[in-house]
Amino acid sequence: MKKIALLVVLLLSVFSSAEPNPNEYPITVHVSSAQLLVQTSAFGKGLVIQRLHVIINGKKYELEAEARHQGHVLLALGDYKAKLVEDKHKTTYESSQKYELLFPDKTTGEFIVTGQSE
């Protein structure tokens, strides 16, 4: 009986840890513009990209990711919680960054920084 109870506790901990913890997303990303773009590959296949214009800590950025769904739905404007998952600086004047956004349904999406402006 104790083994079954332990197994249930372990299974519950595995399933509960699959959902992202909102406390791990300390950054607020304000999406002010969203658009879908079709980029054609060298093989002629169209790739749908979601481009977001956002404000993070008062700075303007452009984020991009491959569209998440077959229906190519557009992300709603507004605030999303996020975390910085990649922050590379090869030199003092070059950087590569990637943010993971947490959506209201507790799913996530990764977006790379493709632009910045003042």
C-alpha atoms as a PDB file:
ATOM      1  CA  MET A   1       0.000   0.000   0.000  1.00  0.00           C
ATOM      2  CA  LYS A   2       2.843   2.379   0.834  1.00  0.00           C
ATOM      3  CA  LYS A   3       4.439   1.652  -2.528  1.00  0.00           C
ATOM      4  CA  ILE A   4       1.231   2.585  -4.344  1.00  0.00           C
ATOM      5  CA  ALA A   5       0.917   5.827  -2.362  1.00  0.00           C
ATOM      6  CA  LEU A   6       4.537   6.690  -3.147  1.00  0.00           C
ATOM      7  CA  LEU A   7       3.971   5.919  -6.834  1.00  0.00           C
ATOM      8  CA  VAL A   8       0.902   8.194  -6.909  1.00  0.00           C
ATOM      9  CA  VAL A   9       2.848  11.031  -5.254  1.00  0.00           C
ATOM     10  CA  LEU A  10       5.713  10.641  -7.729  1.00  0.00           C
ATOM     11  CA  LEU A  11       3.352  10.589 -10.720  1.00  0.00           C
ATOM     12  CA  LEU A  12       1.529  13.682  -9.489  1.00  0.00           C
ATOM     13  CA  SER A  13       4.823  15.544  -9.077  1.00  0.00           C
ATOM     14  CA  VAL A  14       5.856  14.628 -12.635  1.00  0.00           C
ATOM     15  CA  PHE A  15       2.555  15.827 -14.117  1.00  0.00           C
ATOM     16  CA  SER A  16       2.424  19.012 -12.052  1.00  0.00           C
ATOM     17  CA  SER A  17       5.980  19.972 -13.017  1.00  0.00           C
ATOM     18  CA  ALA A  18       5.081  19.769 -16.715  1.00  0.00           C
ATOM     19  CA  GLU A  19       3.143  23.028 -16.451  1.00  0.00           C
ATOM     20  CA  PRO A  20       5.351  26.144 -16.414  1.00  0.00           C
ATOM     21  CA  ASN A  21       5.639  28.052 -13.154  1.00  0.00           C
ATOM     22  CA  PRO A  22       4.519  31.679 -13.724  1.00  0.00           C
ATOM     23  CA  ASN A  23       7.035  32.819 -11.083  1.00  0.00           C
ATOM     24  CA  GLU A  24       9.824  31.767 -13.451  1.00  0.00           C
ATOM     25  CA  TYR A  25       8.692  34.427 -15.960  1.00  0.00           C
ATOM     26  CA  PRO A  26       9.687  37.734 -14.305  1.00  0.00           C
ATOM     27  CA  ILE A  27       9.733  39.919 -17.427  1.00  0.00           C
ATOM     28  CA  THR A  28       6.670  41.692 -18.803  1.00  0.00           C
ATOM     29  CA  VAL A  29       6.597  41.859 -22.594  1.00  0.00           C
ATOM     30  CA  HIS A  30       4.080  44.287 -24.079  1.00  0.00           C
ATOM     31  CA  VAL A  31       3.092  43.254 -27.613  1.00  0.00           C
ATOM     32  CA  SER A  32       2.083  46.395 -29.515  1.00  0.00           C
ATOM     33  CA  SER A  33       2.043  44.901 -33.026  1.00  0.00           C
ATOM     34  CA  ALA A  34       1.836  41.380 -34.473  1.00  0.00           C
ATOM     35  CA  GLN A  35       1.984  40.174 -38.057  1.00  0.00           C
ATOM     36  CA  LEU A  36       2.372  36.985 -40.040  1.00  0.00           C
ATOM     37  CA  LEU A  37       4.907  36.849 -42.860  1.00  0.00           C
ATOM     38  CA  VAL A  38       5.570  34.145 -45.429  1.00  0.00           C
ATOM     39  CA  GLN A  39       9.225  33.491 -46.179  1.00  0.00           C
ATOM     40  CA  THR A  40      10.027  31.191 -49.070  1.00  0.00           C
ATOM     41  CA  SER A  41      12.870  28.750 -48.554  1.00  0.00           C
ATOM     42  CA  ALA A  42      15.430  27.780 -51.188  1.00  0.00           C
ATOM     43  CA  PHE A  43      13.286  24.695 -51.849  1.00  0.00           C
ATOM     44  CA  GLY A  44      10.203  26.796 -52.629  1.00  0.00           C
ATOM     45  CA  LYS A  45       8.368  25.931 -49.432  1.00  0.00           C
ATOM     46  CA  GLY A  46       6.689  28.800 -47.602  1.00  0.00           C
ATOM     47  CA  LEU A  47       7.488  29.246 -43.930  1.00  0.00           C
ATOM     48  CA  VAL A  48       5.064  31.359 -41.898  1.00  0.00           C
ATOM     49  CA  ILE A  49       6.801  33.647 -39.403  1.00  0.00           C
ATOM     50  CA  GLN A  50       5.146  35.574 -36.583  1.00  0.00           C
ATOM     51  CA  ARG A  51       6.781  38.986 -36.086  1.00  0.00           C
ATOM     52  CA  LEU A  52       6.063  40.950 -32.932  1.00  0.00           C
ATOM     53  CA  HIS A  53       6.893  44.541 -32.074  1.00  0.00           C
ATOM     54  CA  VAL A  54       7.270  44.633 -28.315  1.00  0.00           C
ATOM     55  CA  ILE A  55       8.394  46.778 -25.422  1.00  0.00           C
ATOM     56  CA  ILE A  56      10.595  45.146 -22.775  1.00  0.00           C
ATOM     57  CA  ASN A  57      11.786  47.241 -19.836  1.00  0.00           C
ATOM     58  CA  GLY A  58      10.997  50.430 -21.773  1.00  0.00           C
ATOM     59  CA  LYS A  59      12.995  49.387 -24.873  1.00  0.00           C
ATOM     60  CA  LYS A  60      11.532  48.554 -28.294  1.00  0.00           C
ATOM     61  CA  TYR A  61      12.342  45.182 -29.856  1.00  0.00           C
ATOM     62  CA  GLU A  62      11.266  43.055 -32.775  1.00  0.00           C
ATOM     63  CA  LEU A  63      10.790  39.355 -32.004  1.00  0.00           C
ATOM     64  CA  GLU A  64      10.245  36.506 -34.470  1.00  0.00           C
ATOM     65  CA  ALA A  65       9.272  32.857 -34.326  1.00  0.00           C
ATOM     66  CA  GLU A  66       7.856  30.263 -36.651  1.00  0.00           C
ATOM     67  CA  ALA A  67       4.045  30.396 -36.518  1.00  0.00           C
ATOM     68  CA  ARG A  68       2.808  27.989 -33.853  1.00  0.00           C
ATOM     69  CA  HIS A  69      -0.346  26.562 -35.383  1.00  0.00           C
ATOM     70  CA  GLN A  70      -1.410  25.179 -38.745  1.00  0.00           C
ATOM     71  CA  GLY A  71      -4.171  27.817 -38.879  1.00  0.00           C
ATOM     72  CA  HIS A  72      -1.477  30.507 -38.619  1.00  0.00           C
ATOM     73  CA  VAL A  73      -3.271  32.448 -35.918  1.00  0.00           C
ATOM     74  CA  LEU A  74      -2.078  35.863 -34.855  1.00  0.00           C
ATOM     75  CA  LEU A  75      -0.987  36.527 -31.276  1.00  0.00           C
ATOM     76  CA  ALA A  76      -3.275  38.980 -29.467  1.00  0.00           C
ATOM     77  CA  LEU A  77      -1.864  42.353 -28.447  1.00  0.00           C
ATOM     78  CA  GLY A  78      -1.206  42.972 -24.773  1.00  0.00           C
ATOM     79  CA  ASP A  79       1.080  41.961 -21.924  1.00  0.00           C
ATOM     80  CA  TYR A  80       2.713  38.547 -21.555  1.00  0.00           C
ATOM     81  CA  LYS A  81       5.055  37.167 -18.915  1.00  0.00           C
ATOM     82  CA  ALA A  82       8.456  36.073 -20.253  1.00  0.00           C
ATOM     83  CA  LYS A  83      11.930  34.961 -19.374  1.00  0.00           C
ATOM     84  CA  LEU A  84      15.247  35.436 -21.141  1.00  0.00           C
ATOM     85  CA  VAL A  85      16.425  31.971 -22.183  1.00  0.00           C
ATOM     86  CA  GLU A  86      19.432  32.977 -24.295  1.00  0.00           C
ATOM     87  CA  ASP A  87      21.668  36.007 -23.917  1.00  0.00           C
ATOM     88  CA  LYS A  88      24.927  35.762 -25.862  1.00  0.00           C
ATOM     89  CA  HIS A  89      27.381  38.639 -26.281  1.00  0.00           C
ATOM     90  CA  LYS A  90      30.341  37.729 -28.525  1.00  0.00           C
ATOM     91  CA  THR A  91      31.557  41.322 -28.433  1.00  0.00           C
ATOM     92  CA  THR A  92      30.574  44.490 -26.591  1.00  0.00           C
ATOM     93  CA  TYR A  93      28.516  45.597 -29.611  1.00  0.00           C
ATOM     94  CA  GLU A  94      26.842  42.328 -30.758  1.00  0.00           C
ATOM     95  CA  SER A  95      24.239  40.193 -29.046  1.00  0.00           C
ATOM     96  CA  SER A  96      21.925  37.246 -29.611  1.00  0.00           C
ATOM     97  CA  GLN A  97      18.859  36.950 -27.401  1.00  0.00           C
ATOM     98  CA  LYS A  98      15.870  34.647 -27.129  1.00  0.00           C
ATOM     99  CA  TYR A  99      12.780  35.087 -24.956  1.00  0.00           C
ATOM    100  CA  GLU A 100      10.253  32.476 -23.893  1.00  0.00           C
ATOM    101  CA  LEU A 101       6.739  33.889 -23.558  1.00  0.00           C
ATOM    102  CA  LEU A 102       4.143  32.355 -21.273  1.00  0.00           C
ATOM    103  CA  PHE A 103       0.649  32.383 -22.770  1.00  0.00           C
ATOM    104  CA  PRO A 104      -2.613  32.462 -20.768  1.00  0.00           C
ATOM    105  CA  ASP A 105      -3.256  28.744 -21.430  1.00  0.00           C
ATOM    106  CA  LYS A 106       0.120  27.946 -19.760  1.00  0.00           C
ATOM    107  CA  THR A 107       1.814  27.035 -23.044  1.00  0.00           C
ATOM    108  CA  THR A 108       5.017  28.770 -24.078  1.00  0.00           C
ATOM    109  CA  GLY A 109       6.691  29.985 -27.240  1.00  0.00           C
ATOM    110  CA  GLU A 110      10.267  31.008 -27.974  1.00  0.00           C
ATOM    111  CA  PHE A 111      10.990  34.185 -29.925  1.00  0.00           C
ATOM    112  CA  ILE A 112      14.376  35.460 -31.059  1.00  0.00           C
ATOM    113  CA  VAL A 113      15.264  39.146 -31.024  1.00  0.00           C
ATOM    114  CA  THR A 114      15.624  40.259 -34.639  1.00  0.00           C
ATOM    115  CA  GLY A 115      15.570  44.004 -34.162  1.00  0.00           C
ATOM    116  CA  GLN A 116      15.794  46.867 -31.719  1.00  0.00           C
ATOM    117  CA  SER A 117      15.040  50.561 -31.955  1.00  0.00           C
ATOM    118  CA  GLU A 118      14.968  53.698 -29.841  1.00  0.00           C
END
